[in-house]
Amino acid sequence: MAQVTGTFSTYDAIGDREDLENAIYQITPEETPFISMIGSGKVKAVRHDWQTDALAVPAVNAAIEGDDYTYANVTPTTRLANYTQISLKTVIVTETQDAVDKAGREKELAYQMAKKGVELKKDIEAAALSNVASVAGNDTTARISGGFPAWMTSNDDRGAAGADGGFSTGTGLVVAATNGTQRAFTKTLLDTVIGLVYASGGNPDTVMLSPYNKQVFSTFMSNANVAPFRNEVKSPKQGTIIAAADAYLSDFGLLSVVPNRVMGTTAALARNVFVITPDMVERGVLRPITQDVPAKTGDANKRVIKTEWTLVVKNQAAHGVVADVFGLTATT
């Protein structure tokens, strides 16, 4: 059928009101499970130092009756350090944009600041979980906090050609690990690292991994060495298909398995699966998150949201990492 000649339609009209919803839909995830789990503590300088120590290996320790004492050398503590990192987000909004009638928000500046606050937290999450070396910084170079995977040297399982980084007592800096050949995440790899952490004295209770590797973890239920779990379904009750697992009862304790969306944003973040003892790592805070209001230099309002922080890995032997696994897909 054809439109009758002369019909006036919406295609011809001038002045029809737009139908714009008074809402803004944002589905980007806001969670930061790593920094939320480890908590924070106060630091007082741009270089934060702490000490670690370890007990001697147990021995039979039998002495001769009446023997004179001999004295072993005392082993000093190990001094570690990390540098604070300044993380910030900026916003500039004209006063006109704040004054006009808008859909979904009353004030543009307030909306943008709330958004930048979430983005800042996610930036810190990504930085803390990145395999980056620490940088002391200078007047032209930003300080960088050494990331969690860079610290791991005692309890790691790496792909071929992968190598440890760790803290260098010579330079006082954290060295990034060398990436190895990527491989599939398996139950054997996870069990190996959990066992290493336990043997080192750690008491891990969390496995943190990318969303893809969380799905891989759930396939461990089909492993021949895993006890199947079934629930009886009594009629007329409807059954539930169980195809995922959120906890792992290892030989050395129960661990929560926590997917981290931030770890699924890049292949560099996704390639590691962490075994964590939460009370042995924290975010050190030199300057908490604050808002700056710079001086006006024009017909716009400026805001800066910022913080200064560092990652304090109290003892890296309390944690472990399955490194160099595919973390985004079966090949990446």
C-alpha atoms as a PDB file:
ATOM      1  CA  MET A   1       0.000   0.000   0.000  1.00  0.00           C
ATOM      2  CA  ALA A   2       1.097   3.581  -0.584  1.00  0.00           C
ATOM      3  CA  GLN A   3       0.625   6.716   1.467  1.00  0.00           C
ATOM      4  CA  VAL A   4      -2.098   9.012   0.199  1.00  0.00           C
ATOM      5  CA  THR A   5      -0.687  12.054  -1.570  1.00  0.00           C
ATOM      6  CA  GLY A   6      -0.547  15.081   0.711  1.00  0.00           C
ATOM      7  CA  THR A   7      -0.475  13.108   3.970  1.00  0.00           C
ATOM      8  CA  PHE A   8       1.398  15.005   6.670  1.00  0.00           C
ATOM      9  CA  SER A   9       3.569  12.591   8.717  1.00  0.00           C
ATOM     10  CA  THR A  10       6.273  12.678  11.363  1.00  0.00           C
ATOM     11  CA  TYR A  11       8.820  12.751   8.545  1.00  0.00           C
ATOM     12  CA  ASP A  12       7.498  16.153   7.515  1.00  0.00           C
ATOM     13  CA  ALA A  13       6.762  17.645  10.914  1.00  0.00           C
ATOM     14  CA  ILE A  14       8.815  20.322  12.624  1.00  0.00           C
ATOM     15  CA  GLY A  15       8.534  20.598  16.398  1.00  0.00           C
ATOM     16  CA  ASP A  16       7.756  17.039  17.499  1.00  0.00           C
ATOM     17  CA  ARG A  17       9.269  16.587  20.944  1.00  0.00           C
ATOM     18  CA  GLU A  18      12.117  14.127  21.373  1.00  0.00           C
ATOM     19  CA  ASP A  19      11.509  11.059  23.512  1.00  0.00           C
ATOM     20  CA  LEU A  20      14.702  10.923  25.587  1.00  0.00           C
ATOM     21  CA  GLU A  21      14.483   8.966  28.836  1.00  0.00           C
ATOM     22  CA  ASN A  22      15.390  10.824  31.988  1.00  0.00           C
ATOM     23  CA  ALA A  23      17.938   8.179  32.922  1.00  0.00           C
ATOM     24  CA  ILE A  24      21.455   7.096  32.021  1.00  0.00           C
ATOM     25  CA  TYR A  25      22.076   3.355  31.797  1.00  0.00           C
ATOM     26  CA  GLN A  26      25.584   2.271  32.665  1.00  0.00           C
ATOM     27  CA  ILE A  27      26.498  -1.394  32.979  1.00  0.00           C
ATOM     28  CA  THR A  28      30.256  -1.093  33.296  1.00  0.00           C
ATOM     29  CA  PRO A  29      31.113  -3.039  36.488  1.00  0.00           C
ATOM     30  CA  GLU A  30      32.271  -1.044  39.489  1.00  0.00           C
ATOM     31  CA  GLU A  31      33.656  -3.827  41.698  1.00  0.00           C
ATOM     32  CA  THR A  32      37.276  -3.782  42.857  1.00  0.00           C
ATOM     33  CA  PRO A  33      37.526  -7.105  44.739  1.00  0.00           C
ATOM     34  CA  PHE A  34      41.305  -7.080  45.285  1.00  0.00           C
ATOM     35  CA  ILE A  35      41.697  -3.692  46.971  1.00  0.00           C
ATOM     36  CA  SER A  36      38.391  -4.180  48.783  1.00  0.00           C
ATOM     37  CA  MET A  37      39.579  -7.514  50.191  1.00  0.00           C
ATOM     38  CA  ILE A  38      43.074  -6.489  51.302  1.00  0.00           C
ATOM     39  CA  GLY A  39      42.070  -3.320  53.128  1.00  0.00           C
ATOM     40  CA  SER A  40      44.334  -0.325  53.696  1.00  0.00           C
ATOM     41  CA  GLY A  41      46.818   1.113  56.146  1.00  0.00           C
ATOM     42  CA  LYS A  42      48.595   4.431  56.652  1.00  0.00           C
ATOM     43  CA  VAL A  43      52.065   5.145  55.225  1.00  0.00           C
ATOM     44  CA  LYS A  44      54.112   8.276  56.011  1.00  0.00           C
ATOM     45  CA  ALA A  45      56.617   8.665  53.182  1.00  0.00           C
ATOM     46  CA  VAL A  46      56.857   8.255  49.415  1.00  0.00           C
ATOM     47  CA  ARG A  47      59.033   5.179  50.017  1.00  0.00           C
ATOM     48  CA  HIS A  48      57.428   2.811  52.502  1.00  0.00           C
ATOM     49  CA  ASP A  49      59.700   0.172  54.094  1.00  0.00           C
ATOM     50  CA  TRP A  50      58.900  -2.910  56.118  1.00  0.00           C
ATOM     51  CA  GLN A  51      60.713  -6.039  57.321  1.00  0.00           C
ATOM     52  CA  THR A  52      60.255  -9.770  56.911  1.00  0.00           C
ATOM     53  CA  ASP A  53      61.741 -12.691  58.784  1.00  0.00           C
ATOM     54  CA  ALA A  54      61.542 -16.485  58.765  1.00  0.00           C
ATOM     55  CA  LEU A  55      62.110 -19.291  61.231  1.00  0.00           C
ATOM     56  CA  ALA A  56      64.954 -21.760  60.772  1.00  0.00           C
ATOM     57  CA  VAL A  57      64.158 -25.127  59.192  1.00  0.00           C
ATOM     58  CA  PRO A  58      63.141 -27.582  61.972  1.00  0.00           C
ATOM     59  CA  ALA A  59      65.880 -29.993  63.049  1.00  0.00           C
ATOM     60  CA  VAL A  60      66.245 -32.955  65.440  1.00  0.00           C
ATOM     61  CA  ASN A  61      68.234 -30.672  67.811  1.00  0.00           C
ATOM     62  CA  ALA A  62      69.978 -33.111  70.173  1.00  0.00           C
ATOM     63  CA  ALA A  63      72.758 -31.778  72.462  1.00  0.00           C
ATOM     64  CA  ILE A  64      75.517 -33.631  74.294  1.00  0.00           C
ATOM     65  CA  GLU A  65      75.191 -33.704  78.066  1.00  0.00           C
ATOM     66  CA  GLY A  66      77.605 -31.259  79.677  1.00  0.00           C
ATOM     67  CA  ASP A  67      78.725 -29.804  76.349  1.00  0.00           C
ATOM     68  CA  ASP A  68      79.793 -26.160  76.111  1.00  0.00           C
ATOM     69  CA  TYR A  69      77.426 -23.876  74.227  1.00  0.00           C
ATOM     70  CA  THR A  70      78.220 -22.816  70.700  1.00  0.00           C
ATOM     71  CA  TYR A  71      76.463 -19.857  69.209  1.00  0.00           C
ATOM     72  CA  ALA A  72      75.131 -19.643  65.684  1.00  0.00           C
ATOM     73  CA  ASN A  73      75.171 -16.417  63.738  1.00  0.00           C
ATOM     74  CA  VAL A  74      71.960 -14.422  64.031  1.00  0.00           C
ATOM     75  CA  THR A  75      70.177 -13.967  60.723  1.00  0.00           C
ATOM     76  CA  PRO A  76      69.051 -10.362  60.271  1.00  0.00           C
ATOM     77  CA  THR A  77      65.613  -9.419  59.018  1.00  0.00           C
ATOM     78  CA  THR A  78      65.058  -8.565  55.358  1.00  0.00           C
ATOM     79  CA  ARG A  79      64.090  -4.988  54.599  1.00  0.00           C
ATOM     80  CA  LEU A  80      61.652  -4.420  51.745  1.00  0.00           C
ATOM     81  CA  ALA A  81      60.158  -1.293  50.205  1.00  0.00           C
ATOM     82  CA  ASN A  82      57.699   0.027  47.656  1.00  0.00           C
ATOM     83  CA  TYR A  83      57.055   3.519  46.321  1.00  0.00           C
ATOM     84  CA  THR A  84      53.832   5.467  46.496  1.00  0.00           C
ATOM     85  CA  GLN A  85      52.007   6.208  43.276  1.00  0.00           C
ATOM     86  CA  ILE A  86      49.825   9.236  42.609  1.00  0.00           C
ATOM     87  CA  SER A  87      46.606   8.311  40.797  1.00  0.00           C
ATOM     88  CA  LEU A  88      44.171  10.986  39.696  1.00  0.00           C
ATOM     89  CA  LYS A  89      41.250  11.855  37.426  1.00  0.00           C
ATOM     90  CA  THR A  90      40.326  15.310  36.124  1.00  0.00           C
ATOM     91  CA  VAL A  91      37.038  16.925  35.067  1.00  0.00           C
ATOM     92  CA  ILE A  92      36.248  20.300  33.516  1.00  0.00           C
ATOM     93  CA  VAL A  93      32.623  21.273  32.800  1.00  0.00           C
ATOM     94  CA  THR A  94      31.340  24.624  31.557  1.00  0.00           C
ATOM     95  CA  GLU A  95      28.915  26.500  33.758  1.00  0.00           C
ATOM     96  CA  THR A  96      26.506  26.595  30.831  1.00  0.00           C
ATOM     97  CA  GLN A  97      26.426  22.785  30.653  1.00  0.00           C
ATOM     98  CA  ASP A  98      25.616  22.662  34.357  1.00  0.00           C
ATOM     99  CA  ALA A  99      22.840  25.217  33.913  1.00  0.00           C
ATOM    100  CA  VAL A 100      20.952  23.758  30.940  1.00  0.00           C
ATOM    101  CA  ASP A 101      18.162  21.222  31.392  1.00  0.00           C
ATOM    102  CA  LYS A 102      19.614  17.715  31.023  1.00  0.00           C
ATOM    103  CA  ALA A 103      18.262  14.200  30.847  1.00  0.00           C
ATOM    104  CA  GLY A 104      19.378  11.670  33.431  1.00  0.00           C
ATOM    105  CA  ARG A 105      21.253  14.007  35.774  1.00  0.00           C
ATOM    106  CA  GLU A 106      20.654  17.353  37.413  1.00  0.00           C
ATOM    107  CA  LYS A 107      24.234  18.599  37.542  1.00  0.00           C
ATOM    108  CA  GLU A 108      26.814  17.558  34.952  1.00  0.00           C
ATOM    109  CA  LEU A 109      29.768  18.264  37.232  1.00  0.00           C
ATOM    110  CA  ALA A 110      28.421  16.069  40.052  1.00  0.00           C
ATOM    111  CA  TYR A 111      27.611  13.246  37.651  1.00  0.00           C
ATOM    112  CA  GLN A 112      31.078  13.327  36.073  1.00  0.00           C
ATOM    113  CA  MET A 113      32.823  13.420  39.470  1.00  0.00           C
ATOM    114  CA  ALA A 114      30.906  10.371  40.676  1.00  0.00           C
ATOM    115  CA  LYS A 115      31.867   8.560  37.480  1.00  0.00           C
ATOM    116  CA  LYS A 116      35.543   9.536  37.805  1.00  0.00           C
ATOM    117  CA  GLY A 117      35.598   8.323  41.411  1.00  0.00           C
ATOM    118  CA  VAL A 118      34.633   4.820  40.324  1.00  0.00           C
ATOM    119  CA  GLU A 119      37.132   4.935  37.461  1.00  0.00           C
ATOM    120  CA  LEU A 120      39.907   5.935  39.888  1.00  0.00           C
ATOM    121  CA  LYS A 121      39.212   2.925  42.117  1.00  0.00           C
ATOM    122  CA  LYS A 122      39.310   0.625  39.114  1.00  0.00           C
ATOM    123  CA  ASP A 123      42.606   2.172  37.961  1.00  0.00           C
ATOM    124  CA  ILE A 124      44.120   1.379  41.370  1.00  0.00           C
ATOM    125  CA  GLU A 125      42.794  -2.185  41.158  1.00  0.00           C
ATOM    126  CA  ALA A 126      44.394  -2.641  37.731  1.00  0.00           C
ATOM    127  CA  ALA A 127      47.702  -1.085  38.811  1.00  0.00           C
ATOM    128  CA  ALA A 128      47.918  -3.224  41.964  1.00  0.00           C
ATOM    129  CA  LEU A 129      47.351  -6.423  39.948  1.00  0.00           C
ATOM    130  CA  SER A 130      49.708  -5.497  37.089  1.00  0.00           C
ATOM    131  CA  ASN A 131      53.144  -7.021  36.574  1.00  0.00           C
ATOM    132  CA  VAL A 132      54.949  -3.680  36.826  1.00  0.00           C
ATOM    133  CA  ALA A 133      58.268  -2.780  38.408  1.00  0.00           C
ATOM    134  CA  SER A 134      58.503  -0.093  41.054  1.00  0.00           C
ATOM    135  CA  VAL A 135      59.950   3.275  40.019  1.00  0.00           C
ATOM    136  CA  ALA A 136      61.518   5.729  42.477  1.00  0.00           C
ATOM    137  CA  GLY A 137      60.639   8.672  40.247  1.00  0.00           C
ATOM    138  CA  ASN A 138      62.130  12.149  39.914  1.00  0.00           C
ATOM    139  CA  ASP A 139      61.063  15.605  38.806  1.00  0.00           C
ATOM    140  CA  THR A 140      60.188  14.326  35.326  1.00  0.00           C
ATOM    141  CA  THR A 141      59.266  10.691  36.027  1.00  0.00           C
ATOM    142  CA  ALA A 142      56.243   9.496  37.987  1.00  0.00           C
ATOM    143  CA  ARG A 143      56.709   7.146  40.917  1.00  0.00           C
ATOM    144  CA  ILE A 144      55.220   3.688  40.371  1.00  0.00           C
ATOM    145  CA  SER A 145      54.196   1.120  42.968  1.00  0.00           C
ATOM    146  CA  GLY A 146      55.463  -2.381  42.164  1.00  0.00           C
ATOM    147  CA  GLY A 147      52.478  -4.602  41.322  1.00  0.00           C
ATOM    148  CA  PHE A 148      51.396  -7.776  43.095  1.00  0.00           C
ATOM    149  CA  PRO A 149      52.593 -10.310  40.462  1.00  0.00           C
ATOM    150  CA  ALA A 150      56.015  -8.649  40.311  1.00  0.00           C
ATOM    151  CA  TRP A 151      56.605  -9.553  43.981  1.00  0.00           C
ATOM    152  CA  MET A 152      55.975 -13.302  43.580  1.00  0.00           C
ATOM    153  CA  THR A 153      59.178 -15.390  43.789  1.00  0.00           C
ATOM    154  CA  SER A 154      58.649 -18.200  46.320  1.00  0.00           C
ATOM    155  CA  ASN A 155      55.385 -19.832  45.266  1.00  0.00           C
ATOM    156  CA  ASP A 156      54.958 -19.481  41.537  1.00  0.00           C
ATOM    157  CA  ASP A 157      54.436 -21.791  38.601  1.00  0.00           C
ATOM    158  CA  ARG A 158      55.459 -20.130  35.337  1.00  0.00           C
ATOM    159  CA  GLY A 159      55.266 -21.051  31.688  1.00  0.00           C
ATOM    160  CA  ALA A 160      58.360 -22.002  29.676  1.00  0.00           C
ATOM    161  CA  ALA A 161      60.992 -19.213  29.707  1.00  0.00           C
ATOM    162  CA  GLY A 162      59.118 -17.346  32.464  1.00  0.00           C
ATOM    163  CA  ALA A 163      61.296 -15.893  35.221  1.00  0.00           C
ATOM    164  CA  ASP A 164      60.803 -14.340  38.644  1.00  0.00           C
ATOM    165  CA  GLY A 165      61.040 -10.642  39.290  1.00  0.00           C
ATOM    166  CA  GLY A 166      60.889  -9.739  42.971  1.00  0.00           C
ATOM    167  CA  PHE A 167      62.426  -7.194  45.305  1.00  0.00           C
ATOM    168  CA  SER A 168      66.085  -6.333  44.701  1.00  0.00           C
ATOM    169  CA  THR A 169      67.968  -5.522  47.892  1.00  0.00           C
ATOM    170  CA  GLY A 170      70.696  -3.965  45.754  1.00  0.00           C
ATOM    171  CA  THR A 171      68.542  -1.358  44.043  1.00  0.00           C
ATOM    172  CA  GLY A 172      65.709  -1.194  46.557  1.00  0.00           C
ATOM    173  CA  LEU A 173      63.250  -1.657  43.691  1.00  0.00           C
ATOM    174  CA  VAL A 174      60.737  -4.313  42.682  1.00  0.00           C
ATOM    175  CA  VAL A 175      61.577  -5.998  39.364  1.00  0.00           C
ATOM    176  CA  ALA A 176      58.798  -7.156  37.048  1.00  0.00           C
ATOM    177  CA  ALA A 177      58.541 -10.873  36.304  1.00  0.00           C
ATOM    178  CA  THR A 178      59.417 -12.139  32.820  1.00  0.00           C
ATOM    179  CA  ASN A 179      56.414 -13.566  31.004  1.00  0.00           C
ATOM    180  CA  GLY A 180      56.630 -17.184  29.883  1.00  0.00           C
ATOM    181  CA  THR A 181      54.795 -19.215  27.277  1.00  0.00           C
ATOM    182  CA  GLN A 182      51.071 -19.227  27.946  1.00  0.00           C
ATOM    183  CA  ARG A 183      49.274 -22.496  28.701  1.00  0.00           C
ATOM    184  CA  ALA A 184      45.898 -23.718  29.905  1.00  0.00           C
ATOM    185  CA  PHE A 185      44.915 -23.257  33.545  1.00  0.00           C
ATOM    186  CA  THR A 186      44.594 -26.696  35.182  1.00  0.00           C
ATOM    187  CA  LYS A 187      43.756 -28.229  38.542  1.00  0.00           C
ATOM    188  CA  THR A 188      47.310 -29.569  38.768  1.00  0.00           C
ATOM    189  CA  LEU A 189      48.773 -26.077  38.445  1.00  0.00           C
ATOM    190  CA  LEU A 190      46.437 -24.722  41.114  1.00  0.00           C
ATOM    191  CA  ASP A 191      47.165 -27.591  43.509  1.00  0.00           C
ATOM    192  CA  THR A 192      50.906 -27.109  43.028  1.00  0.00           C
ATOM    193  CA  VAL A 193      50.832 -23.429  43.936  1.00  0.00           C
ATOM    194  CA  ILE A 194      48.482 -23.902  46.910  1.00  0.00           C
ATOM    195  CA  GLY A 195      50.874 -26.577  48.206  1.00  0.00           C
ATOM    196  CA  LEU A 196      53.868 -24.237  47.786  1.00  0.00           C
ATOM    197  CA  VAL A 197      52.118 -21.443  49.698  1.00  0.00           C
ATOM    198  CA  TYR A 198      51.213 -23.821  52.536  1.00  0.00           C
ATOM    199  CA  ALA A 199      54.782 -25.164  52.733  1.00  0.00           C
ATOM    200  CA  SER A 200      56.083 -21.587  52.944  1.00  0.00           C
ATOM    201  CA  GLY A 201      53.833 -20.855  55.922  1.00  0.00           C
ATOM    202  CA  GLY A 202      50.981 -19.055  54.216  1.00  0.00           C
ATOM    203  CA  ASN A 203      47.328 -19.656  55.024  1.00  0.00           C
ATOM    204  CA  PRO A 204      45.595 -18.639  51.789  1.00  0.00           C
ATOM    205  CA  ASP A 205      41.826 -18.407  51.672  1.00  0.00           C
ATOM    206  CA  THR A 206      41.246 -16.808  48.258  1.00  0.00           C
ATOM    207  CA  VAL A 207      41.896 -17.662  44.629  1.00  0.00           C
ATOM    208  CA  MET A 208      41.448 -14.600  42.390  1.00  0.00           C
ATOM    209  CA  LEU A 209      41.266 -14.958  38.623  1.00  0.00           C
ATOM    210  CA  SER A 210      39.806 -13.600  35.399  1.00  0.00           C
ATOM    211  CA  PRO A 211      36.178 -14.365  34.466  1.00  0.00           C
ATOM    212  CA  TYR A 212      37.329 -16.764  31.735  1.00  0.00           C
ATOM    213  CA  ASN A 213      39.544 -18.699  34.143  1.00  0.00           C
ATOM    214  CA  LYS A 214      36.699 -18.803  36.652  1.00  0.00           C
ATOM    215  CA  GLN A 215      34.798 -20.777  33.987  1.00  0.00           C
ATOM    216  CA  VAL A 216      37.844 -22.993  33.487  1.00  0.00           C
ATOM    217  CA  PHE A 217      37.986 -23.579  37.239  1.00  0.00           C
ATOM    218  CA  SER A 218      34.383 -24.787  37.211  1.00  0.00           C
ATOM    219  CA  THR A 219      35.379 -27.526  34.743  1.00  0.00           C
ATOM    220  CA  PHE A 220      37.635 -28.982  37.460  1.00  0.00           C
ATOM    221  CA  MET A 221      34.448 -30.621  38.783  1.00  0.00           C
ATOM    222  CA  SER A 222      34.746 -33.144  35.944  1.00  0.00           C
ATOM    223  CA  ASN A 223      38.262 -34.146  36.986  1.00  0.00           C
ATOM    224  CA  ALA A 224      38.467 -37.815  37.961  1.00  0.00           C
ATOM    225  CA  ASN A 225      40.014 -36.858  41.318  1.00  0.00           C
ATOM    226  CA  VAL A 226      37.141 -34.565  42.297  1.00  0.00           C
ATOM    227  CA  ALA A 227      34.232 -35.998  44.249  1.00  0.00           C
ATOM    228  CA  PRO A 228      30.978 -35.391  42.347  1.00  0.00           C
ATOM    229  CA  PHE A 229      28.177 -33.655  44.165  1.00  0.00           C
ATOM    230  CA  ARG A 230      24.547 -34.443  43.485  1.00  0.00           C
ATOM    231  CA  ASN A 231      21.295 -33.344  45.049  1.00  0.00           C
ATOM    232  CA  GLU A 232      18.218 -35.511  45.121  1.00  0.00           C
ATOM    233  CA  VAL A 233      15.281 -33.827  43.424  1.00  0.00           C
ATOM    234  CA  LYS A 234      11.935 -34.803  44.905  1.00  0.00           C
ATOM    235  CA  SER A 235       8.884 -34.464  42.687  1.00  0.00           C
ATOM    236  CA  PRO A 236       7.257 -32.056  41.997  1.00  0.00           C
ATOM    237  CA  LYS A 237      10.189 -29.817  42.951  1.00  0.00           C
ATOM    238  CA  GLN A 238      12.151 -28.494  39.988  1.00  0.00           C
ATOM    239  CA  GLY A 239      15.823 -29.419  39.784  1.00  0.00           C
ATOM    240  CA  THR A 240      18.768 -27.062  39.403  1.00  0.00           C
ATOM    241  CA  ILE A 241      21.671 -27.771  37.080  1.00  0.00           C
ATOM    242  CA  ILE A 242      24.907 -27.134  39.002  1.00  0.00           C
ATOM    243  CA  ALA A 243      27.664 -26.228  36.570  1.00  0.00           C
ATOM    244  CA  ALA A 244      29.864 -23.898  38.589  1.00  0.00           C
ATOM    245  CA  ALA A 245      31.882 -23.845  41.796  1.00  0.00           C
ATOM    246  CA  ASP A 246      32.705 -20.877  44.019  1.00  0.00           C
ATOM    247  CA  ALA A 247      34.963 -22.566  46.568  1.00  0.00           C
ATOM    248  CA  TYR A 248      37.773 -25.105  46.485  1.00  0.00           C
ATOM    249  CA  LEU A 249      38.460 -27.515  49.317  1.00  0.00           C
ATOM    250  CA  SER A 250      42.146 -28.176  48.716  1.00  0.00           C
ATOM    251  CA  ASP A 251      44.465 -30.466  50.653  1.00  0.00           C
ATOM    252  CA  PHE A 252      45.439 -27.400  52.690  1.00  0.00           C
ATOM    253  CA  GLY A 253      42.134 -25.718  53.401  1.00  0.00           C
ATOM    254  CA  LEU A 254      39.046 -24.153  51.878  1.00  0.00           C
ATOM    255  CA  LEU A 255      39.583 -21.283  49.450  1.00  0.00           C
ATOM    256  CA  SER A 256      36.990 -18.913  47.978  1.00  0.00           C
ATOM    257  CA  VAL A 257      37.291 -18.579  44.204  1.00  0.00           C
ATOM    258  CA  VAL A 258      36.690 -14.943  43.254  1.00  0.00           C
ATOM    259  CA  PRO A 259      36.350 -13.766  39.640  1.00  0.00           C
ATOM    260  CA  ASN A 260      37.695 -10.276  39.040  1.00  0.00           C
ATOM    261  CA  ARG A 261      36.230  -8.328  36.114  1.00  0.00           C
ATOM    262  CA  VAL A 262      39.179  -5.927  36.046  1.00  0.00           C
ATOM    263  CA  MET A 263      41.464  -8.909  35.429  1.00  0.00           C
ATOM    264  CA  GLY A 264      39.401  -9.682  32.338  1.00  0.00           C
ATOM    265  CA  THR A 265      40.038  -6.313  30.698  1.00  0.00           C
ATOM    266  CA  THR A 266      43.484  -7.081  29.233  1.00  0.00           C
ATOM    267  CA  ALA A 267      45.521 -10.175  28.426  1.00  0.00           C
ATOM    268  CA  ALA A 268      48.341  -8.857  30.634  1.00  0.00           C
ATOM    269  CA  LEU A 269      46.066  -8.859  33.698  1.00  0.00           C
ATOM    270  CA  ALA A 270      44.232 -12.067  32.803  1.00  0.00           C
ATOM    271  CA  ARG A 271      47.324 -14.274  32.485  1.00  0.00           C
ATOM    272  CA  ASN A 272      47.749 -14.691  36.271  1.00  0.00           C
ATOM    273  CA  VAL A 273      45.744 -16.691  38.825  1.00  0.00           C
ATOM    274  CA  PHE A 274      46.510 -15.565  42.371  1.00  0.00           C
ATOM    275  CA  VAL A 275      46.444 -17.573  45.593  1.00  0.00           C
ATOM    276  CA  ILE A 276      46.135 -14.953  48.330  1.00  0.00           C
ATOM    277  CA  THR A 277      46.487 -14.698  52.089  1.00  0.00           C
ATOM    278  CA  PRO A 278      44.540 -11.421  52.461  1.00  0.00           C
ATOM    279  CA  ASP A 279      45.981 -10.225  55.781  1.00  0.00           C
ATOM    280  CA  MET A 280      49.511 -10.391  54.325  1.00  0.00           C
ATOM    281  CA  VAL A 281      48.988  -7.645  51.736  1.00  0.00           C
ATOM    282  CA  GLU A 282      47.423  -4.197  51.979  1.00  0.00           C
ATOM    283  CA  ARG A 283      47.092  -0.882  50.184  1.00  0.00           C
ATOM    284  CA  GLY A 284      49.248   1.664  51.965  1.00  0.00           C
ATOM    285  CA  VAL A 285      47.736   5.146  51.823  1.00  0.00           C
ATOM    286  CA  LEU A 286      49.877   8.286  52.014  1.00  0.00           C
ATOM    287  CA  ARG A 287      47.053  10.580  50.879  1.00  0.00           C
ATOM    288  CA  PRO A 288      43.449   9.329  50.910  1.00  0.00           C
ATOM    289  CA  ILE A 289      41.080  10.030  48.036  1.00  0.00           C
ATOM    290  CA  THR A 290      40.333  13.748  48.034  1.00  0.00           C
ATOM    291  CA  GLN A 291      38.831  16.322  45.690  1.00  0.00           C
ATOM    292  CA  ASP A 292      40.716  19.416  44.557  1.00  0.00           C
ATOM    293  CA  VAL A 293      38.977  22.567  43.320  1.00  0.00           C
ATOM    294  CA  PRO A 294      41.531  24.385  41.124  1.00  0.00           C
ATOM    295  CA  ALA A 295      41.242  28.122  40.618  1.00  0.00           C
ATOM    296  CA  LYS A 296      38.805  29.194  37.918  1.00  0.00           C
ATOM    297  CA  THR A 297      40.496  30.516  34.791  1.00  0.00           C
ATOM    298  CA  GLY A 298      37.430  30.726  32.587  1.00  0.00           C
ATOM    299  CA  ASP A 299      33.731  30.017  32.274  1.00  0.00           C
ATOM    300  CA  ALA A 300      34.084  26.424  33.477  1.00  0.00           C
ATOM    301  CA  ASN A 301      34.480  24.492  36.722  1.00  0.00           C
ATOM    302  CA  LYS A 302      37.514  22.285  37.243  1.00  0.00           C
ATOM    303  CA  ARG A 303      37.794  19.351  39.617  1.00  0.00           C
ATOM    304  CA  VAL A 304      40.504  16.801  40.374  1.00  0.00           C
ATOM    305  CA  ILE A 305      40.032  13.586  42.351  1.00  0.00           C
ATOM    306  CA  LYS A 306      43.283  12.022  43.519  1.00  0.00           C
ATOM    307  CA  THR A 307      45.049   9.734  45.970  1.00  0.00           C
ATOM    308  CA  GLU A 308      48.590   8.554  46.724  1.00  0.00           C
ATOM    309  CA  TRP A 309      49.041   4.902  47.599  1.00  0.00           C
ATOM    310  CA  THR A 310      51.381   1.928  47.455  1.00  0.00           C
ATOM    311  CA  LEU A 311      51.043  -1.856  47.555  1.00  0.00           C
ATOM    312  CA  VAL A 312      52.470  -3.355  50.744  1.00  0.00           C
ATOM    313  CA  VAL A 313      53.195  -7.051  50.198  1.00  0.00           C
ATOM    314  CA  LYS A 314      53.994  -7.893  53.799  1.00  0.00           C
ATOM    315  CA  ASN A 315      55.559 -11.232  52.898  1.00  0.00           C
ATOM    316  CA  GLN A 316      55.387 -12.482  49.330  1.00  0.00           C
ATOM    317  CA  ALA A 317      55.825 -16.083  50.518  1.00  0.00           C
ATOM    318  CA  ALA A 318      52.287 -15.919  51.953  1.00  0.00           C
ATOM    319  CA  HIS A 319      50.917 -15.771  48.390  1.00  0.00           C
ATOM    320  CA  GLY A 320      51.309 -17.616  45.131  1.00  0.00           C
ATOM    321  CA  VAL A 321      50.638 -17.247  41.429  1.00  0.00           C
ATOM    322  CA  VAL A 322      49.829 -19.567  38.563  1.00  0.00           C
ATOM    323  CA  ALA A 323      51.382 -17.419  35.864  1.00  0.00           C
ATOM    324  CA  ASP A 324      51.260 -17.436  32.081  1.00  0.00           C
ATOM    325  CA  VAL A 325      47.841 -19.052  31.627  1.00  0.00           C
ATOM    326  CA  PHE A 326      45.292 -18.216  28.960  1.00  0.00           C
ATOM    327  CA  GLY A 327      43.018 -15.727  30.664  1.00  0.00           C
ATOM    328  CA  LEU A 328      40.719 -14.197  28.057  1.00  0.00           C
ATOM    329  CA  THR A 329      40.029 -17.137  25.752  1.00  0.00           C
ATOM    330  CA  ALA A 330      41.428 -20.614  25.171  1.00  0.00           C
ATOM    331  CA  THR A 331      44.287 -19.049  23.174  1.00  0.00           C
ATOM    332  CA  THR A 332      44.805 -15.589  24.670  1.00  0.00           C
END
